[in-house]
Amino acid sequence: MFETFKKLNVKIFNARPNIMYLLPKEEALQLTIQLPEGLRLGPVQPKHAKFINDLWPHRETGSEFSLERLIRWNVSMGIFDDREDGKLLGWCLFTQHGVMLG
């Protein structure tokens, strides 16, 4: 497989290991969440794809389009600063398989 990657000039990078966390739904529903004043949760919009891509350490040619597609096709949430015209501060994008990217 790696020989084929070399012939096709496929870039291989050593990604950070994945860390998975699990909180049962019943426990999550018991949590009380209160955001600091001036912050709000809301949906991430396709217009945010460029901003996210510019900060993403794994950006490549076409990655902005891939992020925009994820945002269009899946529910994704962000935290916004309403004191700065709703600036996106953080996000969680969902893939088709339910994996969260943040």
PDB file of N, CA and C in Angstrom:
ATOM      1  N   MET A   1       0.825  -1.178   0.000  1.00  0.00           N
ATOM      2  CA  MET A   1       0.000   0.000   0.000  1.00  0.00           C
ATOM      3  C   MET A   1       0.880   1.257   0.000  1.00  0.00           C
ATOM      4  N   PHE A   2       1.916   1.280   0.829  1.00  0.00           N
ATOM      5  CA  PHE A   2       2.769   2.464   0.906  1.00  0.00           C
ATOM      6  C   PHE A   2       3.544   2.687  -0.389  1.00  0.00           C
ATOM      7  N   GLU A   3       3.892   1.608  -1.088  1.00  0.00           N
ATOM      8  CA  GLU A   3       4.564   1.756  -2.385  1.00  0.00           C
ATOM      9  C   GLU A   3       3.630   2.452  -3.382  1.00  0.00           C
ATOM     10  N   THR A   4       2.375   2.082  -3.360  1.00  0.00           N
ATOM     11  CA  THR A   4       1.397   2.720  -4.242  1.00  0.00           C
ATOM     12  C   THR A   4       1.242   4.191  -3.878  1.00  0.00           C
ATOM     13  N   PHE A   5       1.191   4.491  -2.598  1.00  0.00           N
ATOM     14  CA  PHE A   5       1.106   5.890  -2.158  1.00  0.00           C
ATOM     15  C   PHE A   5       2.291   6.689  -2.688  1.00  0.00           C
ATOM     16  N   LYS A   6       3.490   6.097  -2.609  1.00  0.00           N
ATOM     17  CA  LYS A   6       4.684   6.791  -3.103  1.00  0.00           C
ATOM     18  C   LYS A   6       4.571   7.061  -4.600  1.00  0.00           C
ATOM     19  N   LYS A   7       4.139   6.048  -5.374  1.00  0.00           N
ATOM     20  CA  LYS A   7       4.000   6.212  -6.819  1.00  0.00           C
ATOM     21  C   LYS A   7       2.985   7.289  -7.171  1.00  0.00           C
ATOM     22  N   LEU A   8       1.937   7.398  -6.378  1.00  0.00           N
ATOM     23  CA  LEU A   8       0.888   8.381  -6.642  1.00  0.00           C
ATOM     24  C   LEU A   8       1.153   9.722  -5.968  1.00  0.00           C
ATOM     25  N   ASN A   9       2.299   9.821  -5.285  1.00  0.00           N
ATOM     26  CA  ASN A   9       2.674  11.047  -4.578  1.00  0.00           C
ATOM     27  C   ASN A   9       1.616  11.453  -3.546  1.00  0.00           C
ATOM     28  N   VAL A  10       1.085  10.453  -2.823  1.00  0.00           N
ATOM     29  CA  VAL A  10       0.107  10.710  -1.773  1.00  0.00           C
ATOM     30  C   VAL A  10       0.855  11.119  -0.512  1.00  0.00           C
ATOM     31  N   LYS A  11       0.467  12.251   0.040  1.00  0.00           N
ATOM     32  CA  LYS A  11       1.118  12.747   1.242  1.00  0.00           C
ATOM     33  C   LYS A  11       0.608  11.965   2.454  1.00  0.00           C
ATOM     34  N   ILE A  12       1.521  11.475   3.254  1.00  0.00           N
ATOM     35  CA  ILE A  12       1.171  10.730   4.462  1.00  0.00           C
ATOM     36  C   ILE A  12       1.661  11.544   5.652  1.00  0.00           C
ATOM     37  N   PHE A  13       0.797  11.763   6.617  1.00  0.00           N
ATOM     38  CA  PHE A  13       1.211  12.501   7.805  1.00  0.00           C
ATOM     39  C   PHE A  13       0.864  11.695   9.046  1.00  0.00           C
ATOM     40  N   ASN A  14       1.590  11.958  10.082  1.00  0.00           N
ATOM     41  CA  ASN A  14       1.383  11.268  11.343  1.00  0.00           C
ATOM     42  C   ASN A  14       0.422  12.097  12.193  1.00  0.00           C
ATOM     43  N   ALA A  15      -0.844  11.745  12.163  1.00  0.00           N
ATOM     44  CA  ALA A  15      -1.866  12.488  12.911  1.00  0.00           C
ATOM     45  C   ALA A  15      -1.785  12.152  14.391  1.00  0.00           C
ATOM     46  N   ARG A  16      -2.265  13.084  15.174  1.00  0.00           N
ATOM     47  CA  ARG A  16      -2.332  12.841  16.624  1.00  0.00           C
ATOM     48  C   ARG A  16      -3.267  11.664  16.887  1.00  0.00           C
ATOM     49  N   PRO A  17      -3.034  10.933  17.963  1.00  0.00           N
ATOM     50  CA  PRO A  17      -3.953   9.833  18.275  1.00  0.00           C
ATOM     51  C   PRO A  17      -5.339  10.367  18.645  1.00  0.00           C
ATOM     52  N   ASN A  18      -6.334   9.581  18.341  1.00  0.00           N
ATOM     53  CA  ASN A  18      -7.709   9.947  18.705  1.00  0.00           C
ATOM     54  C   ASN A  18      -7.961   9.614  20.166  1.00  0.00           C
ATOM     55  N   ILE A  19      -8.649  10.499  20.841  1.00  0.00           N
ATOM     56  CA  ILE A  19      -9.073  10.253  22.210  1.00  0.00           C
ATOM     57  C   ILE A  19     -10.590  10.287  22.205  1.00  0.00           C
ATOM     58  N   MET A  20     -11.208   9.247  22.707  1.00  0.00           N
ATOM     59  CA  MET A  20     -12.670   9.180  22.702  1.00  0.00           C
ATOM     60  C   MET A  20     -13.186   9.258  24.131  1.00  0.00           C
ATOM     61  N   TYR A  21     -14.235  10.028  24.303  1.00  0.00           N
ATOM     62  CA  TYR A  21     -14.889  10.180  25.596  1.00  0.00           C
ATOM     63  C   TYR A  21     -16.327   9.707  25.449  1.00  0.00           C
ATOM     64  N   LEU A  22     -16.875   9.163  26.489  1.00  0.00           N
ATOM     65  CA  LEU A  22     -18.252   8.682  26.466  1.00  0.00           C
ATOM     66  C   LEU A  22     -18.960   9.144  27.726  1.00  0.00           C
ATOM     67  N   LEU A  23     -20.128   9.714  27.552  1.00  0.00           N
ATOM     68  CA  LEU A  23     -20.996  10.070  28.667  1.00  0.00           C
ATOM     69  C   LEU A  23     -22.380   9.557  28.294  1.00  0.00           C
ATOM     70  N   PRO A  24     -22.923   8.629  29.063  1.00  0.00           N
ATOM     71  CA  PRO A  24     -24.241   8.105  28.734  1.00  0.00           C
ATOM     72  C   PRO A  24     -25.276   9.228  28.633  1.00  0.00           C
ATOM     73  N   LYS A  25     -26.204   9.070  27.713  1.00  0.00           N
ATOM     74  CA  LYS A  25     -27.224  10.092  27.459  1.00  0.00           C
ATOM     75  C   LYS A  25     -27.966  10.471  28.741  1.00  0.00           C
ATOM     76  N   GLU A  26     -28.281   9.486  29.561  1.00  0.00           N
ATOM     77  CA  GLU A  26     -29.018   9.749  30.795  1.00  0.00           C
ATOM     78  C   GLU A  26     -28.237  10.695  31.723  1.00  0.00           C
ATOM     79  N   GLU A  27     -26.931  10.518  31.783  1.00  0.00           N
ATOM     80  CA  GLU A  27     -26.103  11.400  32.610  1.00  0.00           C
ATOM     81  C   GLU A  27     -25.957  12.783  31.971  1.00  0.00           C
ATOM     82  N   ALA A  28     -25.820  12.814  30.667  1.00  0.00           N
ATOM     83  CA  ALA A  28     -25.674  14.096  29.970  1.00  0.00           C
ATOM     84  C   ALA A  28     -26.922  14.957  30.143  1.00  0.00           C
ATOM     85  N   LEU A  29     -28.087  14.329  30.161  1.00  0.00           N
ATOM     86  CA  LEU A  29     -29.334  15.086  30.320  1.00  0.00           C
ATOM     87  C   LEU A  29     -29.463  15.707  31.710  1.00  0.00           C
ATOM     88  N   GLN A  30     -28.685  15.226  32.660  1.00  0.00           N
ATOM     89  CA  GLN A  30     -28.723  15.766  34.019  1.00  0.00           C
ATOM     90  C   GLN A  30     -27.810  16.983  34.195  1.00  0.00           C
ATOM     91  N   LEU A  31     -26.946  17.249  33.234  1.00  0.00           N
ATOM     92  CA  LEU A  31     -26.007  18.358  33.345  1.00  0.00           C
ATOM     93  C   LEU A  31     -26.717  19.700  33.198  1.00  0.00           C
ATOM     94  N   THR A  32     -26.283  20.661  33.958  1.00  0.00           N
ATOM     95  CA  THR A  32     -26.774  22.025  33.832  1.00  0.00           C
ATOM     96  C   THR A  32     -25.646  22.850  33.225  1.00  0.00           C
ATOM     97  N   ILE A  33     -25.935  23.513  32.133  1.00  0.00           N
ATOM     98  CA  ILE A  33     -24.907  24.281  31.435  1.00  0.00           C
ATOM     99  C   ILE A  33     -25.306  25.747  31.447  1.00  0.00           C
ATOM    100  N   GLN A  34     -24.384  26.585  31.855  1.00  0.00           N
ATOM    101  CA  GLN A  34     -24.635  28.024  31.856  1.00  0.00           C
ATOM    102  C   GLN A  34     -23.427  28.704  31.227  1.00  0.00           C
ATOM    103  N   LEU A  35     -23.659  29.383  30.123  1.00  0.00           N
ATOM    104  CA  LEU A  35     -22.577  30.080  29.430  1.00  0.00           C
ATOM    105  C   LEU A  35     -22.314  31.430  30.072  1.00  0.00           C
ATOM    106  N   PRO A  36     -21.081  31.882  30.023  1.00  0.00           N
ATOM    107  CA  PRO A  36     -20.791  33.234  30.499  1.00  0.00           C
ATOM    108  C   PRO A  36     -21.550  34.268  29.663  1.00  0.00           C
ATOM    109  N   GLU A  37     -21.809  35.405  30.263  1.00  0.00           N
ATOM    110  CA  GLU A  37     -22.521  36.475  29.578  1.00  0.00           C
ATOM    111  C   GLU A  37     -21.775  36.868  28.299  1.00  0.00           C
ATOM    112  N   GLY A  38     -22.522  37.071  27.233  1.00  0.00           N
ATOM    113  CA  GLY A  38     -21.947  37.483  25.962  1.00  0.00           C
ATOM    114  C   GLY A  38     -21.615  36.337  25.029  1.00  0.00           C
ATOM    115  N   LEU A  39     -21.724  35.092  25.528  1.00  0.00           N
ATOM    116  CA  LEU A  39     -21.471  33.928  24.691  1.00  0.00           C
ATOM    117  C   LEU A  39     -22.775  33.199  24.434  1.00  0.00           C
ATOM    118  N   ARG A  40     -22.865  32.569  23.270  1.00  0.00           N
ATOM    119  CA  ARG A  40     -24.052  31.777  22.957  1.00  0.00           C
ATOM    120  C   ARG A  40     -23.662  30.561  22.122  1.00  0.00           C
ATOM    121  N   LEU A  41     -24.464  29.522  22.237  1.00  0.00           N
ATOM    122  CA  LEU A  41     -24.316  28.344  21.388  1.00  0.00           C
ATOM    123  C   LEU A  41     -25.239  28.506  20.192  1.00  0.00           C
ATOM    124  N   GLY A  42     -24.806  28.003  19.054  1.00  0.00           N
ATOM    125  CA  GLY A  42     -25.638  28.077  17.864  1.00  0.00           C
ATOM    126  C   GLY A  42     -25.065  27.208  16.761  1.00  0.00           C
ATOM    127  N   PRO A  43     -25.819  27.079  15.678  1.00  0.00           N
ATOM    128  CA  PRO A  43     -25.347  26.245  14.565  1.00  0.00           C
ATOM    129  C   PRO A  43     -24.196  26.898  13.811  1.00  0.00           C
ATOM    130  N   VAL A  44     -23.233  26.090  13.415  1.00  0.00           N
ATOM    131  CA  VAL A  44     -22.161  26.541  12.534  1.00  0.00           C
ATOM    132  C   VAL A  44     -22.750  26.604  11.131  1.00  0.00           C
ATOM    133  N   GLN A  45     -22.409  27.635  10.391  1.00  0.00           N
ATOM    134  CA  GLN A  45     -22.932  27.851   9.044  1.00  0.00           C
ATOM    135  C   GLN A  45     -21.837  27.580   8.002  1.00  0.00           C
ATOM    136  N   PRO A  46     -22.227  27.283   6.759  1.00  0.00           N
ATOM    137  CA  PRO A  46     -21.225  27.060   5.709  1.00  0.00           C
ATOM    138  C   PRO A  46     -20.228  28.214   5.561  1.00  0.00           C
ATOM    139  N   LYS A  47     -20.658  29.440   5.863  1.00  0.00           N
ATOM    140  CA  LYS A  47     -19.756  30.593   5.752  1.00  0.00           C
ATOM    141  C   LYS A  47     -18.573  30.509   6.724  1.00  0.00           C
ATOM    142  N   HIS A  48     -18.672  29.658   7.743  1.00  0.00           N
ATOM    143  CA  HIS A  48     -17.601  29.517   8.730  1.00  0.00           C
ATOM    144  C   HIS A  48     -16.502  28.549   8.268  1.00  0.00           C
ATOM    145  N   ALA A  49     -16.716  27.840   7.167  1.00  0.00           N
ATOM    146  CA  ALA A  49     -15.762  26.818   6.716  1.00  0.00           C
ATOM    147  C   ALA A  49     -14.373  27.403   6.468  1.00  0.00           C
ATOM    148  N   LYS A  50     -14.278  28.570   5.862  1.00  0.00           N
ATOM    149  CA  LYS A  50     -12.974  29.167   5.588  1.00  0.00           C
ATOM    150  C   LYS A  50     -12.243  29.494   6.893  1.00  0.00           C
ATOM    151  N   PHE A  51     -12.961  30.083   7.848  1.00  0.00           N
ATOM    152  CA  PHE A  51     -12.361  30.426   9.139  1.00  0.00           C
ATOM    153  C   PHE A  51     -11.825  29.170   9.831  1.00  0.00           C
ATOM    154  N   ILE A  52     -12.630  28.111   9.854  1.00  0.00           N
ATOM    155  CA  ILE A  52     -12.221  26.855  10.493  1.00  0.00           C
ATOM    156  C   ILE A  52     -11.025  26.261   9.760  1.00  0.00           C
ATOM    157  N   ASN A  53     -11.097  26.223   8.443  1.00  0.00           N
ATOM    158  CA  ASN A  53     -10.017  25.650   7.641  1.00  0.00           C
ATOM    159  C   ASN A  53      -8.701  26.398   7.846  1.00  0.00           C
ATOM    160  N   ASP A  54      -8.766  27.723   7.925  1.00  0.00           N
ATOM    161  CA  ASP A  54      -7.555  28.521   8.117  1.00  0.00           C
ATOM    162  C   ASP A  54      -6.848  28.196   9.429  1.00  0.00           C
ATOM    163  N   LEU A  55      -7.591  27.742  10.433  1.00  0.00           N
ATOM    164  CA  LEU A  55      -7.010  27.400  11.739  1.00  0.00           C
ATOM    165  C   LEU A  55      -6.683  25.915  11.884  1.00  0.00           C
ATOM    166  N   TRP A  56      -7.185  25.092  10.973  1.00  0.00           N
ATOM    167  CA  TRP A  56      -7.058  23.637  11.069  1.00  0.00           C
ATOM    168  C   TRP A  56      -5.641  23.202  10.702  1.00  0.00           C
ATOM    169  N   PRO A  57      -4.944  22.464  11.573  1.00  0.00           N
ATOM    170  CA  PRO A  57      -3.563  22.067  11.275  1.00  0.00           C
ATOM    171  C   PRO A  57      -3.444  21.068  10.125  1.00  0.00           C
ATOM    172  N   HIS A  58      -4.532  20.401   9.722  1.00  0.00           N
ATOM    173  CA  HIS A  58      -4.480  19.396   8.656  1.00  0.00           C
ATOM    174  C   HIS A  58      -5.058  19.918   7.341  1.00  0.00           C
ATOM    175  N   ARG A  59      -5.134  21.243   7.191  1.00  0.00           N
ATOM    176  CA  ARG A  59      -5.720  21.787   5.956  1.00  0.00           C
ATOM    177  C   ARG A  59      -4.855  21.410   4.759  1.00  0.00           C
ATOM    178  N   GLU A  60      -5.526  21.163   3.670  1.00  0.00           N
ATOM    179  CA  GLU A  60      -4.899  20.785   2.408  1.00  0.00           C
ATOM    180  C   GLU A  60      -5.747  21.366   1.284  1.00  0.00           C
ATOM    181  N   THR A  61      -5.291  21.204   0.076  1.00  0.00           N
ATOM    182  CA  THR A  61      -6.096  21.600  -1.069  1.00  0.00           C
ATOM    183  C   THR A  61      -7.425  20.856  -1.010  1.00  0.00           C
ATOM    184  N   GLY A  62      -8.513  21.584  -1.022  1.00  0.00           N
ATOM    185  CA  GLY A  62      -9.833  20.964  -0.984  1.00  0.00           C
ATOM    186  C   GLY A  62     -10.405  20.769   0.406  1.00  0.00           C
ATOM    187  N   SER A  63      -9.617  21.015   1.457  1.00  0.00           N
ATOM    188  CA  SER A  63     -10.146  20.756   2.800  1.00  0.00           C
ATOM    189  C   SER A  63     -11.229  21.764   3.191  1.00  0.00           C
ATOM    190  N   GLU A  64     -11.142  22.995   2.704  1.00  0.00           N
ATOM    191  CA  GLU A  64     -12.201  23.963   3.006  1.00  0.00           C
ATOM    192  C   GLU A  64     -13.535  23.488   2.432  1.00  0.00           C
ATOM    193  N   PHE A  65     -13.500  22.963   1.206  1.00  0.00           N
ATOM    194  CA  PHE A  65     -14.712  22.425   0.585  1.00  0.00           C
ATOM    195  C   PHE A  65     -15.254  21.245   1.398  1.00  0.00           C
ATOM    196  N   SER A  66     -14.355  20.386   1.875  1.00  0.00           N
ATOM    197  CA  SER A  66     -14.791  19.228   2.675  1.00  0.00           C
ATOM    198  C   SER A  66     -15.437  19.681   3.980  1.00  0.00           C
ATOM    199  N   LEU A  67     -14.859  20.690   4.631  1.00  0.00           N
ATOM    200  CA  LEU A  67     -15.444  21.203   5.873  1.00  0.00           C
ATOM    201  C   LEU A  67     -16.802  21.841   5.606  1.00  0.00           C
ATOM    202  N   GLU A  68     -16.893  22.599   4.526  1.00  0.00           N
ATOM    203  CA  GLU A  68     -18.187  23.218   4.193  1.00  0.00           C
ATOM    204  C   GLU A  68     -19.252  22.159   3.950  1.00  0.00           C
ATOM    205  N   ARG A  69     -18.863  21.080   3.264  1.00  0.00           N
ATOM    206  CA  ARG A  69     -19.804  19.986   3.000  1.00  0.00           C
ATOM    207  C   ARG A  69     -20.241  19.322   4.306  1.00  0.00           C
ATOM    208  N   LEU A  70     -19.300  19.099   5.227  1.00  0.00           N
ATOM    209  CA  LEU A  70     -19.664  18.532   6.535  1.00  0.00           C
ATOM    210  C   LEU A  70     -20.694  19.421   7.229  1.00  0.00           C
ATOM    211  N   ILE A  71     -20.462  20.724   7.183  1.00  0.00           N
ATOM    212  CA  ILE A  71     -21.368  21.670   7.839  1.00  0.00           C
ATOM    213  C   ILE A  71     -22.745  21.645   7.189  1.00  0.00           C
ATOM    214  N   ARG A  72     -22.785  21.573   5.859  1.00  0.00           N
ATOM    215  CA  ARG A  72     -24.073  21.556   5.145  1.00  0.00           C
ATOM    216  C   ARG A  72     -24.848  20.252   5.388  1.00  0.00           C
ATOM    217  N   TRP A  73     -24.138  19.141   5.488  1.00  0.00           N
ATOM    218  CA  TRP A  73     -24.793  17.836   5.545  1.00  0.00           C
ATOM    219  C   TRP A  73     -25.086  17.342   6.950  1.00  0.00           C
ATOM    220  N   ASN A  74     -24.449  17.927   7.960  1.00  0.00           N
ATOM    221  CA  ASN A  74     -24.578  17.406   9.323  1.00  0.00           C
ATOM    222  C   ASN A  74     -24.809  18.543  10.309  1.00  0.00           C
ATOM    223  N   VAL A  75     -25.468  18.237  11.390  1.00  0.00           N
ATOM    224  CA  VAL A  75     -25.667  19.230  12.450  1.00  0.00           C
ATOM    225  C   VAL A  75     -24.310  19.507  13.081  1.00  0.00           C
ATOM    226  N   SER A  76     -23.927  20.776  13.140  1.00  0.00           N
ATOM    227  CA  SER A  76     -22.669  21.167  13.769  1.00  0.00           C
ATOM    228  C   SER A  76     -22.937  22.388  14.634  1.00  0.00           C
ATOM    229  N   MET A  77     -22.269  22.459  15.765  1.00  0.00           N
ATOM    230  CA  MET A  77     -22.527  23.538  16.722  1.00  0.00           C
ATOM    231  C   MET A  77     -21.263  24.336  16.982  1.00  0.00           C
ATOM    232  N   GLY A  78     -21.493  25.595  17.370  1.00  0.00           N
ATOM    233  CA  GLY A  78     -20.368  26.459  17.700  1.00  0.00           C
ATOM    234  C   GLY A  78     -20.690  27.306  18.913  1.00  0.00           C
ATOM    235  N   ILE A  79     -19.656  27.907  19.465  1.00  0.00           N
ATOM    236  CA  ILE A  79     -19.841  28.884  20.531  1.00  0.00           C
ATOM    237  C   ILE A  79     -19.417  30.228  19.937  1.00  0.00           C
ATOM    238  N   PHE A  80     -20.266  31.225  20.139  1.00  0.00           N
ATOM    239  CA  PHE A  80     -20.100  32.522  19.503  1.00  0.00           C
ATOM    240  C   PHE A  80     -19.989  33.622  20.555  1.00  0.00           C
ATOM    241  N   ASP A  81     -19.209  34.647  20.238  1.00  0.00           N
ATOM    242  CA  ASP A  81     -19.044  35.812  21.105  1.00  0.00           C
ATOM    243  C   ASP A  81     -19.932  36.926  20.572  1.00  0.00           C
ATOM    244  N   ASP A  82     -21.038  37.174  21.240  1.00  0.00           N
ATOM    245  CA  ASP A  82     -21.968  38.209  20.791  1.00  0.00           C
ATOM    246  C   ASP A  82     -21.427  39.613  21.038  1.00  0.00           C
ATOM    247  N   ARG A  83     -20.361  39.724  21.826  1.00  0.00           N
ATOM    248  CA  ARG A  83     -19.750  41.044  22.045  1.00  0.00           C
ATOM    249  C   ARG A  83     -18.915  41.456  20.844  1.00  0.00           C
ATOM    250  N   GLU A  84     -18.565  40.496  19.983  1.00  0.00           N
ATOM    251  CA  GLU A  84     -17.767  40.773  18.785  1.00  0.00           C
ATOM    252  C   GLU A  84     -18.536  40.340  17.543  1.00  0.00           C
ATOM    253  N   ASP A  85     -19.755  40.834  17.410  1.00  0.00           N
ATOM    254  CA  ASP A  85     -20.591  40.558  16.233  1.00  0.00           C
ATOM    255  C   ASP A  85     -20.761  39.074  15.950  1.00  0.00           C
ATOM    256  N   GLY A  86     -20.855  38.271  16.989  1.00  0.00           N
ATOM    257  CA  GLY A  86     -21.108  36.842  16.808  1.00  0.00           C
ATOM    258  C   GLY A  86     -19.919  36.062  16.305  1.00  0.00           C
ATOM    259  N   LYS A  87     -18.709  36.486  16.636  1.00  0.00           N
ATOM    260  CA  LYS A  87     -17.502  35.798  16.177  1.00  0.00           C
ATOM    261  C   LYS A  87     -17.483  34.354  16.672  1.00  0.00           C
ATOM    262  N   LEU A  88     -17.167  33.436  15.765  1.00  0.00           N
ATOM    263  CA  LEU A  88     -17.046  32.021  16.106  1.00  0.00           C
ATOM    264  C   LEU A  88     -15.789  31.804  16.940  1.00  0.00           C
ATOM    265  N   LEU A  89     -15.939  31.228  18.119  1.00  0.00           N
ATOM    266  CA  LEU A  89     -14.808  30.990  19.022  1.00  0.00           C
ATOM    267  C   LEU A  89     -14.384  29.523  19.060  1.00  0.00           C
ATOM    268  N   GLY A  90     -15.325  28.629  18.896  1.00  0.00           N
ATOM    269  CA  GLY A  90     -15.042  27.199  18.948  1.00  0.00           C
ATOM    270  C   GLY A  90     -16.156  26.452  18.252  1.00  0.00           C
ATOM    271  N   TRP A  91     -15.920  25.224  17.869  1.00  0.00           N
ATOM    272  CA  TRP A  91     -16.915  24.490  17.097  1.00  0.00           C
ATOM    273  C   TRP A  91     -16.761  22.998  17.309  1.00  0.00           C
ATOM    274  N   CYS A  92     -17.810  22.306  16.942  1.00  0.00           N
ATOM    275  CA  CYS A  92     -17.833  20.851  16.927  1.00  0.00           C
ATOM    276  C   CYS A  92     -18.574  20.446  15.662  1.00  0.00           C
ATOM    277  N   LEU A  93     -17.857  19.855  14.713  1.00  0.00           N
ATOM    278  CA  LEU A  93     -18.453  19.405  13.458  1.00  0.00           C
ATOM    279  C   LEU A  93     -18.713  17.908  13.551  1.00  0.00           C
ATOM    280  N   PHE A  94     -19.851  17.487  13.068  1.00  0.00           N
ATOM    281  CA  PHE A  94     -20.185  16.078  13.052  1.00  0.00           C
ATOM    282  C   PHE A  94     -20.007  15.515  11.655  1.00  0.00           C
ATOM    283  N   THR A  95     -19.456  14.310  11.576  1.00  0.00           N
ATOM    284  CA  THR A  95     -19.343  13.609  10.289  1.00  0.00           C
ATOM    285  C   THR A  95     -20.606  12.762  10.093  1.00  0.00           C
ATOM    286  N   GLN A  96     -20.711  12.163   8.909  1.00  0.00           N
ATOM    287  CA  GLN A  96     -21.866  11.321   8.624  1.00  0.00           C
ATOM    288  C   GLN A  96     -21.963  10.130   9.563  1.00  0.00           C
ATOM    289  N   HIS A  97     -20.843   9.716  10.137  1.00  0.00           N
ATOM    290  CA  HIS A  97     -20.826   8.558  11.035  1.00  0.00           C
ATOM    291  C   HIS A  97     -20.998   8.937  12.492  1.00  0.00           C
ATOM    292  N   GLY A  98     -21.211  10.236  12.756  1.00  0.00           N
ATOM    293  CA  GLY A  98     -21.414  10.690  14.124  1.00  0.00           C
ATOM    294  C   GLY A  98     -20.141  11.046  14.864  1.00  0.00           C
ATOM    295  N   VAL A  99     -19.005  10.995  14.175  1.00  0.00           N
ATOM    296  CA  VAL A  99     -17.748  11.386  14.790  1.00  0.00           C
ATOM    297  C   VAL A  99     -17.732  12.911  14.911  1.00  0.00           C
ATOM    298  N   MET A 100     -17.242  13.413  16.035  1.00  0.00           N
ATOM    299  CA  MET A 100     -17.166  14.859  16.246  1.00  0.00           C
ATOM    300  C   MET A 100     -15.748  15.335  15.978  1.00  0.00           C
ATOM    301  N   LEU A 101     -15.633  16.404  15.203  1.00  0.00           N
ATOM    302  CA  LEU A 101     -14.355  17.067  14.951  1.00  0.00           C
ATOM    303  C   LEU A 101     -14.404  18.413  15.622  1.00  0.00           C
ATOM    304  N   GLY A 102     -13.409  18.738  16.400  1.00  0.00           N
ATOM    305  CA  GLY A 102     -13.428  20.028  17.083  1.00  0.00           C
ATOM    306  C   GLY A 102     -12.137  20.768  16.959  1.00  0.00           C
TER     307      GLY A 102
END
